[in-house]
Amino acid sequence: TRYAASQKKMRASANTNIQQTLRENLLRTISYDKLNGL
């Protein structure tokens, strides 16, 4: 997934655990593939 967020939102997100965010998002797409039998 490619993500875009405005600089205003980015500056408010300095404390986000982005490693967790992206891991969960990537894992979700894999889970959905499996649910569809892909």
Full PDB file with SEQRES, HELIX, SHEET, SSBOND, CRYST1, ORIGX, SCALE, CONECT and MASTER records, all heavy atoms in Angstrom:
SEQRES   1 A   38  THR ARG TYR ALA ALA SER GLN LYS LYS MET ARG ALA SER          
SEQRES   2 A   38  ALA ASN THR ASN ILE GLN GLN THR LEU ARG GLU ASN LEU          
SEQRES   3 A   38  LEU ARG THR ILE SER TYR ASP LYS LEU ASN GLY LEU              
HELIX    1 AA1 GLN A    7  ARG A   11  1                                   5    
HELIX    2 AA2 ILE A   18  LEU A   35  1                                  18    
CRYST1    1.000    1.000    1.000  90.00  90.00  90.00 P 1           1          
ORIGX1      1.000000  0.000000  0.000000        0.00000                         
ORIGX2      0.000000  1.000000  0.000000        0.00000                         
ORIGX3      0.000000  0.000000  1.000000        0.00000                         
SCALE1      1.000000  0.000000  0.000000        0.00000                         
SCALE2      0.000000  1.000000  0.000000        0.00000                         
SCALE3      0.000000  0.000000  1.000000        0.00000                         
ATOM      1  N   THR A   1       0.835  -1.193   0.000  1.00  0.00           N  
ATOM      2  CA  THR A   1       0.000   0.000   0.000  1.00  0.00           C  
ATOM      3  C   THR A   1       0.874   1.248   0.000  1.00  0.00           C  
ATOM      4  O   THR A   1       1.843   1.337   0.757  1.00  0.00           O  
ATOM      5  CB  THR A   1      -0.921   0.031   1.238  1.00  0.00           C  
ATOM      6  OG1 THR A   1      -1.771  -1.116   1.236  1.00  0.00           O  
ATOM      7  CG2 THR A   1      -1.789   1.279   1.226  1.00  0.00           C  
ATOM      8  N   ARG A   2       0.512   2.206  -0.858  1.00  0.00           N  
ATOM      9  CA  ARG A   2       1.137   3.536  -0.864  1.00  0.00           C  
ATOM     10  C   ARG A   2       0.225   4.469  -0.064  1.00  0.00           C  
ATOM     11  O   ARG A   2      -0.991   4.489  -0.282  1.00  0.00           O  
ATOM     12  CB  ARG A   2       1.278   4.040  -2.301  1.00  0.00           C  
ATOM     13  CG  ARG A   2       2.126   3.129  -3.177  1.00  0.00           C  
ATOM     14  CD  ARG A   2       1.841   3.365  -4.658  1.00  0.00           C  
ATOM     15  NE  ARG A   2       0.488   2.954  -4.996  1.00  0.00           N  
ATOM     16  CZ  ARG A   2      -0.043   3.078  -6.215  1.00  0.00           C  
ATOM     17  NH1 ARG A   2       0.672   3.612  -7.188  1.00  0.00           N  
ATOM     18  NH2 ARG A   2      -1.269   2.685  -6.460  1.00  0.00           N  
ATOM     19  N   TYR A   3       0.801   5.239   0.834  1.00  0.00           N  
ATOM     20  CA  TYR A   3       0.037   6.116   1.719  1.00  0.00           C  
ATOM     21  C   TYR A   3       0.436   7.567   1.496  1.00  0.00           C  
ATOM     22  O   TYR A   3       1.604   7.868   1.218  1.00  0.00           O  
ATOM     23  CB  TYR A   3       0.299   5.782   3.189  1.00  0.00           C  
ATOM     24  CG  TYR A   3       0.071   4.349   3.566  1.00  0.00           C  
ATOM     25  CD1 TYR A   3       1.106   3.414   3.454  1.00  0.00           C  
ATOM     26  CD2 TYR A   3      -1.168   3.912   4.037  1.00  0.00           C  
ATOM     27  CE1 TYR A   3       0.907   2.086   3.812  1.00  0.00           C  
ATOM     28  CE2 TYR A   3      -1.372   2.586   4.394  1.00  0.00           C  
ATOM     29  CZ  TYR A   3      -0.336   1.679   4.271  1.00  0.00           C  
ATOM     30  OH  TYR A   3      -0.532   0.368   4.610  1.00  0.00           O  
ATOM     31  N   ALA A   4      -0.545   8.454   1.650  1.00  0.00           N  
ATOM     32  CA  ALA A   4      -0.266   9.888   1.618  1.00  0.00           C  
ATOM     33  C   ALA A   4      -1.018  10.556   2.765  1.00  0.00           C  
ATOM     34  O   ALA A   4      -2.190  10.243   3.021  1.00  0.00           O  
ATOM     35  CB  ALA A   4      -0.697  10.499   0.289  1.00  0.00           C  
ATOM     36  N   ALA A   5      -0.321  11.457   3.459  1.00  0.00           N  
ATOM     37  CA  ALA A   5      -0.939  12.247   4.528  1.00  0.00           C  
ATOM     38  C   ALA A   5      -0.385  13.659   4.448  1.00  0.00           C  
ATOM     39  O   ALA A   5       0.814  13.855   4.199  1.00  0.00           O  
ATOM     40  CB  ALA A   5      -0.651  11.635   5.899  1.00  0.00           C  
ATOM     41  N   SER A   6      -1.244  14.637   4.660  1.00  0.00           N  
ATOM     42  CA  SER A   6      -0.814  16.030   4.592  1.00  0.00           C  
ATOM     43  C   SER A   6       0.260  16.313   5.638  1.00  0.00           C  
ATOM     44  O   SER A   6       0.367  15.616   6.649  1.00  0.00           O  
ATOM     45  CB  SER A   6      -2.000  16.962   4.828  1.00  0.00           C  
ATOM     46  OG  SER A   6      -2.480  16.800   6.163  1.00  0.00           O  
ATOM     47  N   GLN A   7       1.054  17.355   5.376  1.00  0.00           N  
ATOM     48  CA  GLN A   7       2.109  17.682   6.329  1.00  0.00           C  
ATOM     49  C   GLN A   7       1.543  18.040   7.695  1.00  0.00           C  
ATOM     50  O   GLN A   7       2.153  17.749   8.729  1.00  0.00           O  
ATOM     51  CB  GLN A   7       2.969  18.818   5.770  1.00  0.00           C  
ATOM     52  CG  GLN A   7       3.861  18.343   4.640  1.00  0.00           C  
ATOM     53  CD  GLN A   7       4.801  19.404   4.113  1.00  0.00           C  
ATOM     54  OE1 GLN A   7       5.619  19.113   3.261  1.00  0.00           O  
ATOM     55  NE2 GLN A   7       4.707  20.630   4.605  1.00  0.00           N  
ATOM     56  N   LYS A   8       0.343  18.646   7.727  1.00  0.00           N  
ATOM     57  CA  LYS A   8      -0.283  18.953   9.012  1.00  0.00           C  
ATOM     58  C   LYS A   8      -0.560  17.671   9.784  1.00  0.00           C  
ATOM     59  O   LYS A   8      -0.268  17.573  10.986  1.00  0.00           O  
ATOM     60  CB  LYS A   8      -1.584  19.723   8.788  1.00  0.00           C  
ATOM     61  CG  LYS A   8      -2.326  20.052  10.078  1.00  0.00           C  
ATOM     62  CD  LYS A   8      -3.625  20.797   9.798  1.00  0.00           C  
ATOM     63  CE  LYS A   8      -4.371  21.087  11.098  1.00  0.00           C  
ATOM     64  NZ  LYS A   8      -5.668  21.791  10.837  1.00  0.00           N  
ATOM     65  N   LYS A   9      -1.100  16.670   9.095  1.00  0.00           N  
ATOM     66  CA  LYS A   9      -1.394  15.398   9.769  1.00  0.00           C  
ATOM     67  C   LYS A   9      -0.104  14.659  10.098  1.00  0.00           C  
ATOM     68  O   LYS A   9       0.004  14.013  11.154  1.00  0.00           O  
ATOM     69  CB  LYS A   9      -2.307  14.543   8.897  1.00  0.00           C  
ATOM     70  CG  LYS A   9      -2.725  13.234   9.556  1.00  0.00           C  
ATOM     71  CD  LYS A   9      -3.937  12.604   8.900  1.00  0.00           C  
ATOM     72  CE  LYS A   9      -5.214  13.301   9.333  1.00  0.00           C  
ATOM     73  NZ  LYS A   9      -6.440  12.550   8.961  1.00  0.00           N  
ATOM     74  N   MET A  10       0.889  14.752   9.238  1.00  0.00           N  
ATOM     75  CA  MET A  10       2.167  14.099   9.514  1.00  0.00           C  
ATOM     76  C   MET A  10       2.800  14.662  10.789  1.00  0.00           C  
ATOM     77  O   MET A  10       3.276  13.912  11.640  1.00  0.00           O  
ATOM     78  CB  MET A  10       3.113  14.282   8.330  1.00  0.00           C  
ATOM     79  CG  MET A  10       2.713  13.527   7.074  1.00  0.00           C  
ATOM     80  SD  MET A  10       2.835  11.737   7.257  1.00  0.00           S  
ATOM     81  CE  MET A  10       4.592  11.535   7.373  1.00  0.00           C  
ATOM     82  N   ARG A  11       2.788  15.979  10.918  1.00  0.00           N  
ATOM     83  CA  ARG A  11       3.423  16.592  12.089  1.00  0.00           C  
ATOM     84  C   ARG A  11       2.721  16.210  13.379  1.00  0.00           C  
ATOM     85  O   ARG A  11       3.348  16.139  14.438  1.00  0.00           O  
ATOM     86  CB  ARG A  11       3.459  18.108  11.911  1.00  0.00           C  
ATOM     87  CG  ARG A  11       4.451  18.538  10.842  1.00  0.00           C  
ATOM     88  CD  ARG A  11       4.488  20.031  10.629  1.00  0.00           C  
ATOM     89  NE  ARG A  11       5.494  20.361   9.613  1.00  0.00           N  
ATOM     90  CZ  ARG A  11       5.275  21.113   8.551  1.00  0.00           C  
ATOM     91  NH1 ARG A  11       4.077  21.647   8.357  1.00  0.00           N  
ATOM     92  NH2 ARG A  11       6.243  21.361   7.688  1.00  0.00           N  
ATOM     93  N   ALA A  12       1.424  15.948  13.285  1.00  0.00           N  
ATOM     94  CA  ALA A  12       0.677  15.499  14.470  1.00  0.00           C  
ATOM     95  C   ALA A  12       0.886  14.023  14.753  1.00  0.00           C  
ATOM     96  O   ALA A  12       0.413  13.520  15.780  1.00  0.00           O  
ATOM     97  CB  ALA A  12      -0.815  15.778  14.268  1.00  0.00           C  
ATOM     98  N   SER A  13       1.592  13.323  13.852  1.00  0.00           N  
ATOM     99  CA  SER A  13       1.733  11.864  13.960  1.00  0.00           C  
ATOM    100  C   SER A  13       3.133  11.427  14.359  1.00  0.00           C  
ATOM    101  O   SER A  13       3.492  10.264  14.198  1.00  0.00           O  
ATOM    102  CB  SER A  13       1.364  11.208  12.619  1.00  0.00           C  
ATOM    103  OG  SER A  13       0.069  11.579  12.209  1.00  0.00           O  
ATOM    104  N   ALA A  14       3.922  12.342  14.911  1.00  0.00           N  
ATOM    105  CA  ALA A  14       5.307  12.010  15.249  1.00  0.00           C  
ATOM    106  C   ALA A  14       5.398  10.870  16.251  1.00  0.00           C  
ATOM    107  O   ALA A  14       6.364  10.095  16.236  1.00  0.00           O  
ATOM    108  CB  ALA A  14       6.024  13.251  15.787  1.00  0.00           C  
ATOM    109  N   ASN A  15       4.397  10.744  17.135  1.00  0.00           N  
ATOM    110  CA  ASN A  15       4.442   9.700  18.162  1.00  0.00           C  
ATOM    111  C   ASN A  15       3.747   8.407  17.740  1.00  0.00           C  
ATOM    112  O   ASN A  15       3.647   7.464  18.521  1.00  0.00           O  
ATOM    113  CB  ASN A  15       3.812  10.219  19.456  1.00  0.00           C  
ATOM    114  CG  ASN A  15       4.623  11.339  20.075  1.00  0.00           C  
ATOM    115  OD1 ASN A  15       5.849  11.343  20.013  1.00  0.00           O  
ATOM    116  ND2 ASN A  15       3.948  12.318  20.668  1.00  0.00           N  
ATOM    117  N   THR A  16       3.248   8.349  16.517  1.00  0.00           N  
ATOM    118  CA  THR A  16       2.635   7.123  16.014  1.00  0.00           C  
ATOM    119  C   THR A  16       3.680   6.015  15.918  1.00  0.00           C  
ATOM    120  O   THR A  16       4.806   6.253  15.446  1.00  0.00           O  
ATOM    121  CB  THR A  16       2.032   7.362  14.609  1.00  0.00           C  
ATOM    122  OG1 THR A  16       0.966   8.290  14.722  1.00  0.00           O  
ATOM    123  CG2 THR A  16       1.523   6.068  13.995  1.00  0.00           C  
ATOM    124  N   ASN A  17       3.328   4.833  16.363  1.00  0.00           N  
ATOM    125  CA  ASN A  17       4.211   3.679  16.156  1.00  0.00           C  
ATOM    126  C   ASN A  17       3.968   3.174  14.733  1.00  0.00           C  
ATOM    127  O   ASN A  17       3.161   2.293  14.495  1.00  0.00           O  
ATOM    128  CB  ASN A  17       3.920   2.588  17.180  1.00  0.00           C  
ATOM    129  CG  ASN A  17       4.869   1.408  17.062  1.00  0.00           C  
ATOM    130  OD1 ASN A  17       5.531   1.216  16.046  1.00  0.00           O  
ATOM    131  ND2 ASN A  17       4.930   0.594  18.106  1.00  0.00           N  
ATOM    132  N   ILE A  18       4.677   3.805  13.790  1.00  0.00           N  
ATOM    133  CA  ILE A  18       4.406   3.534  12.378  1.00  0.00           C  
ATOM    134  C   ILE A  18       4.769   2.105  11.991  1.00  0.00           C  
ATOM    135  O   ILE A  18       4.175   1.532  11.063  1.00  0.00           O  
ATOM    136  CB  ILE A  18       5.145   4.560  11.481  1.00  0.00           C  
ATOM    137  CG1 ILE A  18       4.572   4.531  10.058  1.00  0.00           C  
ATOM    138  CG2 ILE A  18       6.651   4.309  11.500  1.00  0.00           C  
ATOM    139  CD1 ILE A  18       3.126   4.947   9.954  1.00  0.00           C  
ATOM    140  N   GLN A  19       5.709   1.495  12.707  1.00  0.00           N  
ATOM    141  CA  GLN A  19       6.046   0.099  12.407  1.00  0.00           C  
ATOM    142  C   GLN A  19       4.840  -0.807  12.678  1.00  0.00           C  
ATOM    143  O   GLN A  19       4.540  -1.717  11.897  1.00  0.00           O  
ATOM    144  CB  GLN A  19       7.248  -0.348  13.251  1.00  0.00           C  
ATOM    145  CG  GLN A  19       8.498   0.486  13.058  1.00  0.00           C  
ATOM    146  CD  GLN A  19       9.141   0.296  11.690  1.00  0.00           C  
ATOM    147  OE1 GLN A  19       8.815  -0.616  10.954  1.00  0.00           O  
ATOM    148  NE2 GLN A  19      10.063   1.180  11.334  1.00  0.00           N  
ATOM    149  N   GLN A  20       4.128  -0.520  13.775  1.00  0.00           N  
ATOM    150  CA  GLN A  20       2.925  -1.294  14.073  1.00  0.00           C  
ATOM    151  C   GLN A  20       1.824  -1.002  13.060  1.00  0.00           C  
ATOM    152  O   GLN A  20       1.141  -1.904  12.586  1.00  0.00           O  
ATOM    153  CB  GLN A  20       2.437  -0.994  15.496  1.00  0.00           C  
ATOM    154  CG  GLN A  20       1.179  -1.778  15.868  1.00  0.00           C  
ATOM    155  CD  GLN A  20       0.838  -1.664  17.332  1.00  0.00           C  
ATOM    156  OE1 GLN A  20       1.699  -1.393  18.158  1.00  0.00           O  
ATOM    157  NE2 GLN A  20      -0.416  -1.878  17.678  1.00  0.00           N  
ATOM    158  N   THR A  21       1.659   0.286  12.720  1.00  0.00           N  
ATOM    159  CA  THR A  21       0.632   0.675  11.752  1.00  0.00           C  
ATOM    160  C   THR A  21       0.796  -0.087  10.438  1.00  0.00           C  
ATOM    161  O   THR A  21      -0.146  -0.699   9.926  1.00  0.00           O  
ATOM    162  CB  THR A  21       0.714   2.185  11.450  1.00  0.00           C  
ATOM    163  OG1 THR A  21       0.584   2.917  12.665  1.00  0.00           O  
ATOM    164  CG2 THR A  21      -0.356   2.614  10.471  1.00  0.00           C  
ATOM    165  N   LEU A  22       1.997  -0.051   9.886  1.00  0.00           N  
ATOM    166  CA  LEU A  22       2.227  -0.646   8.577  1.00  0.00           C  
ATOM    167  C   LEU A  22       2.216  -2.169   8.640  1.00  0.00           C  
ATOM    168  O   LEU A  22       1.764  -2.831   7.695  1.00  0.00           O  
ATOM    169  CB  LEU A  22       3.546  -0.130   7.996  1.00  0.00           C  
ATOM    170  CG  LEU A  22       3.602   1.391   7.782  1.00  0.00           C  
ATOM    171  CD1 LEU A  22       4.929   1.804   7.156  1.00  0.00           C  
ATOM    172  CD2 LEU A  22       2.440   1.873   6.921  1.00  0.00           C  
ATOM    173  N   ARG A  23       2.718  -2.719   9.746  1.00  0.00           N  
ATOM    174  CA  ARG A  23       2.654  -4.180   9.890  1.00  0.00           C  
ATOM    175  C   ARG A  23       1.216  -4.657   9.905  1.00  0.00           C  
ATOM    176  O   ARG A  23       0.856  -5.635   9.231  1.00  0.00           O  
ATOM    177  CB  ARG A  23       3.374  -4.620  11.177  1.00  0.00           C  
ATOM    178  CG  ARG A  23       3.176  -6.095  11.498  1.00  0.00           C  
ATOM    179  CD  ARG A  23       3.869  -6.503  12.782  1.00  0.00           C  
ATOM    180  NE  ARG A  23       3.561  -5.652  13.903  1.00  0.00           N  
ATOM    181  CZ  ARG A  23       2.409  -5.685  14.574  1.00  0.00           C  
ATOM    182  NH1 ARG A  23       1.443  -6.513  14.213  1.00  0.00           N  
ATOM    183  NH2 ARG A  23       2.213  -4.890  15.608  1.00  0.00           N  
ATOM    184  N   GLU A  24       0.359  -3.985  10.691  1.00  0.00           N  
ATOM    185  CA  GLU A  24      -1.043  -4.395  10.766  1.00  0.00           C  
ATOM    186  C   GLU A  24      -1.731  -4.251   9.412  1.00  0.00           C  
ATOM    187  O   GLU A  24      -2.503  -5.125   9.000  1.00  0.00           O  
ATOM    188  CB  GLU A  24      -1.779  -3.570  11.826  1.00  0.00           C  
ATOM    189  CG  GLU A  24      -1.401  -3.927  13.251  1.00  0.00           C  
ATOM    190  CD  GLU A  24      -2.190  -3.127  14.278  1.00  0.00           C  
ATOM    191  OE1 GLU A  24      -3.122  -2.400  13.876  1.00  0.00           O  
ATOM    192  OE2 GLU A  24      -1.876  -3.232  15.479  1.00  0.00           O  
ATOM    193  N   ASN A  25      -1.459  -3.151   8.708  1.00  0.00           N  
ATOM    194  CA  ASN A  25      -2.083  -2.943   7.409  1.00  0.00           C  
ATOM    195  C   ASN A  25      -1.656  -4.012   6.405  1.00  0.00           C  
ATOM    196  O   ASN A  25      -2.479  -4.546   5.646  1.00  0.00           O  
ATOM    197  CB  ASN A  25      -1.730  -1.556   6.872  1.00  0.00           C  
ATOM    198  CG  ASN A  25      -2.482  -0.445   7.580  1.00  0.00           C  
ATOM    199  OD1 ASN A  25      -3.267  -0.694   8.490  1.00  0.00           O  
ATOM    200  ND2 ASN A  25      -2.232   0.785   7.171  1.00  0.00           N  
ATOM    201  N   LEU A  26      -0.365  -4.320   6.370  1.00  0.00           N  
ATOM    202  CA  LEU A  26       0.130  -5.325   5.436  1.00  0.00           C  
ATOM    203  C   LEU A  26      -0.417  -6.703   5.776  1.00  0.00           C  
ATOM    204  O   LEU A  26      -0.858  -7.447   4.901  1.00  0.00           O  
ATOM    205  CB  LEU A  26       1.659  -5.331   5.452  1.00  0.00           C  
ATOM    206  CG  LEU A  26       2.348  -6.352   4.542  1.00  0.00           C  
ATOM    207  CD1 LEU A  26       1.934  -6.151   3.086  1.00  0.00           C  
ATOM    208  CD2 LEU A  26       3.870  -6.244   4.691  1.00  0.00           C  
ATOM    209  N   LEU A  27      -0.407  -7.031   7.062  1.00  0.00           N  
ATOM    210  CA  LEU A  27      -0.918  -8.331   7.484  1.00  0.00           C  
ATOM    211  C   LEU A  27      -2.409  -8.466   7.168  1.00  0.00           C  
ATOM    212  O   LEU A  27      -2.892  -9.547   6.801  1.00  0.00           O  
ATOM    213  CB  LEU A  27      -0.685  -8.518   8.987  1.00  0.00           C  
ATOM    214  CG  LEU A  27      -1.113  -9.863   9.583  1.00  0.00           C  
ATOM    215  CD1 LEU A  27      -0.380 -11.011   8.915  1.00  0.00           C  
ATOM    216  CD2 LEU A  27      -0.868  -9.887  11.091  1.00  0.00           C  
ATOM    217  N   ARG A  28      -3.149  -7.349   7.278  1.00  0.00           N  
ATOM    218  CA  ARG A  28      -4.581  -7.382   6.982  1.00  0.00           C  
ATOM    219  C   ARG A  28      -4.831  -7.778   5.529  1.00  0.00           C  
ATOM    220  O   ARG A  28      -5.709  -8.587   5.231  1.00  0.00           O  
ATOM    221  CB  ARG A  28      -5.202  -6.020   7.272  1.00  0.00           C  
ATOM    222  CG  ARG A  28      -6.713  -5.971   7.100  1.00  0.00           C  
ATOM    223  CD  ARG A  28      -7.260  -4.564   7.303  1.00  0.00           C  
ATOM    224  NE  ARG A  28      -6.647  -3.951   8.479  1.00  0.00           N  
ATOM    225  CZ  ARG A  28      -5.959  -2.825   8.444  1.00  0.00           C  
ATOM    226  NH1 ARG A  28      -5.808  -2.174   7.311  1.00  0.00           N  
ATOM    227  NH2 ARG A  28      -5.438  -2.330   9.547  1.00  0.00           N  
ATOM    228  N   THR A  29      -4.043  -7.235   4.612  1.00  0.00           N  
ATOM    229  CA  THR A  29      -4.247  -7.575   3.203  1.00  0.00           C  
ATOM    230  C   THR A  29      -3.966  -9.055   2.957  1.00  0.00           C  
ATOM    231  O   THR A  29      -4.655  -9.699   2.160  1.00  0.00           O  
ATOM    232  CB  THR A  29      -3.359  -6.714   2.283  1.00  0.00           C  
ATOM    233  OG1 THR A  29      -1.982  -7.005   2.507  1.00  0.00           O  
ATOM    234  CG2 THR A  29      -3.616  -5.234   2.502  1.00  0.00           C  
ATOM    235  N   ILE A  30      -2.978  -9.601   3.641  1.00  0.00           N  
ATOM    236  CA  ILE A  30      -2.677 -11.030   3.502  1.00  0.00           C  
ATOM    237  C   ILE A  30      -3.820 -11.864   4.070  1.00  0.00           C  
ATOM    238  O   ILE A  30      -4.222 -12.888   3.492  1.00  0.00           O  
ATOM    239  CB  ILE A  30      -1.347 -11.365   4.200  1.00  0.00           C  
ATOM    240  CG1 ILE A  30      -0.191 -10.613   3.524  1.00  0.00           C  
ATOM    241  CG2 ILE A  30      -1.085 -12.868   4.188  1.00  0.00           C  
ATOM    242  CD1 ILE A  30       1.106 -10.664   4.286  1.00  0.00           C  
ATOM    243  N   SER A  31      -4.380 -11.428   5.209  1.00  0.00           N  
ATOM    244  CA  SER A  31      -5.508 -12.147   5.809  1.00  0.00           C  
ATOM    245  C   SER A  31      -6.707 -12.150   4.873  1.00  0.00           C  
ATOM    246  O   SER A  31      -7.413 -13.154   4.747  1.00  0.00           O  
ATOM    247  CB  SER A  31      -5.890 -11.500   7.146  1.00  0.00           C  
ATOM    248  OG  SER A  31      -4.825 -11.533   8.060  1.00  0.00           O  
ATOM    249  N   TYR A  32      -6.950 -11.022   4.206  1.00  0.00           N  
ATOM    250  CA  TYR A  32      -8.076 -10.937   3.288  1.00  0.00           C  
ATOM    251  C   TYR A  32      -7.857 -11.831   2.070  1.00  0.00           C  
ATOM    252  O   TYR A  32      -8.806 -12.430   1.549  1.00  0.00           O  
ATOM    253  CB  TYR A  32      -8.292  -9.490   2.855  1.00  0.00           C  
ATOM    254  CG  TYR A  32      -8.842  -8.564   3.928  1.00  0.00           C  
ATOM    255  CD1 TYR A  32      -9.052  -9.004   5.236  1.00  0.00           C  
ATOM    256  CD2 TYR A  32      -9.150  -7.245   3.640  1.00  0.00           C  
ATOM    257  CE1 TYR A  32      -9.554  -8.148   6.203  1.00  0.00           C  
ATOM    258  CE2 TYR A  32      -9.657  -6.379   4.602  1.00  0.00           C  
ATOM    259  CZ  TYR A  32      -9.852  -6.836   5.893  1.00  0.00           C  
ATOM    260  OH  TYR A  32     -10.350  -5.994   6.853  1.00  0.00           O  
ATOM    261  N   ASP A  33      -6.621 -11.910   1.588  1.00  0.00           N  
ATOM    262  CA  ASP A  33      -6.313 -12.846   0.506  1.00  0.00           C  
ATOM    263  C   ASP A  33      -6.678 -14.272   0.912  1.00  0.00           C  
ATOM    264  O   ASP A  33      -7.280 -15.032   0.138  1.00  0.00           O  
ATOM    265  CB  ASP A  33      -4.824 -12.802   0.162  1.00  0.00           C  
ATOM    266  CG  ASP A  33      -4.442 -11.588  -0.671  1.00  0.00           C  
ATOM    267  OD1 ASP A  33      -5.321 -11.013  -1.331  1.00  0.00           O  
ATOM    268  OD2 ASP A  33      -3.252 -11.226  -0.657  1.00  0.00           O  
ATOM    269  N   LYS A  34      -6.288 -14.640   2.125  1.00  0.00           N  
ATOM    270  CA  LYS A  34      -6.553 -15.996   2.595  1.00  0.00           C  
ATOM    271  C   LYS A  34      -8.050 -16.254   2.725  1.00  0.00           C  
ATOM    272  O   LYS A  34      -8.530 -17.349   2.412  1.00  0.00           O  
ATOM    273  CB  LYS A  34      -5.856 -16.231   3.938  1.00  0.00           C  
ATOM    274  CG  LYS A  34      -4.336 -16.291   3.840  1.00  0.00           C  
ATOM    275  CD  LYS A  34      -3.708 -16.557   5.197  1.00  0.00           C  
ATOM    276  CE  LYS A  34      -2.197 -16.688   5.091  1.00  0.00           C  
ATOM    277  NZ  LYS A  34      -1.579 -16.949   6.428  1.00  0.00           N  
ATOM    278  N   LEU A  35      -8.802 -15.252   3.202  1.00  0.00           N  
ATOM    279  CA  LEU A  35     -10.245 -15.414   3.346  1.00  0.00           C  
ATOM    280  C   LEU A  35     -10.897 -15.679   1.994  1.00  0.00           C  
ATOM    281  O   LEU A  35     -11.895 -16.388   1.903  1.00  0.00           O  
ATOM    282  CB  LEU A  35     -10.854 -14.167   3.993  1.00  0.00           C  
ATOM    283  CG  LEU A  35     -12.343 -14.241   4.340  1.00  0.00           C  
ATOM    284  CD1 LEU A  35     -12.627 -15.334   5.363  1.00  0.00           C  
ATOM    285  CD2 LEU A  35     -12.837 -12.902   4.862  1.00  0.00           C  
ATOM    286  N   ASN A  36     -10.329 -15.130   0.922  1.00  0.00           N  
ATOM    287  CA  ASN A  36     -10.864 -15.345  -0.418  1.00  0.00           C  
ATOM    288  C   ASN A  36     -10.296 -16.583  -1.098  1.00  0.00           C  
ATOM    289  O   ASN A  36     -10.597 -16.841  -2.265  1.00  0.00           O  
ATOM    290  CB  ASN A  36     -10.599 -14.122  -1.293  1.00  0.00           C  
ATOM    291  CG  ASN A  36     -11.581 -12.997  -1.030  1.00  0.00           C  
ATOM    292  OD1 ASN A  36     -12.585 -13.187  -0.363  1.00  0.00           O  
ATOM    293  ND2 ASN A  36     -11.280 -11.821  -1.544  1.00  0.00           N  
ATOM    294  N   GLY A  37      -9.469 -17.340  -0.389  1.00  0.00           N  
ATOM    295  CA  GLY A  37      -8.900 -18.545  -0.990  1.00  0.00           C  
ATOM    296  C   GLY A  37      -7.868 -18.262  -2.055  1.00  0.00           C  
ATOM    297  O   GLY A  37      -7.618 -19.096  -2.925  1.00  0.00           O  
ATOM    298  N   LEU A  38      -7.230 -17.092  -2.013  1.00  0.00           N  
ATOM    299  CA  LEU A  38      -6.200 -16.736  -2.992  1.00  0.00           C  
ATOM    300  C   LEU A  38      -4.881 -17.353  -2.548  1.00  0.00           C  
ATOM    301  O   LEU A  38      -4.010 -16.693  -1.986  1.00  0.00           O  
ATOM    302  CB  LEU A  38      -6.109 -15.219  -3.120  1.00  0.00           C  
ATOM    303  CG  LEU A  38      -7.359 -14.552  -3.709  1.00  0.00           C  
ATOM    304  CD1 LEU A  38      -7.306 -13.044  -3.522  1.00  0.00           C  
ATOM    305  CD2 LEU A  38      -7.500 -14.902  -5.186  1.00  0.00           C  
TER     306      LEU A  38                                                      
MASTER        0    0    0    2    0    0    0    6  305    1    0    3          
END                                                                             
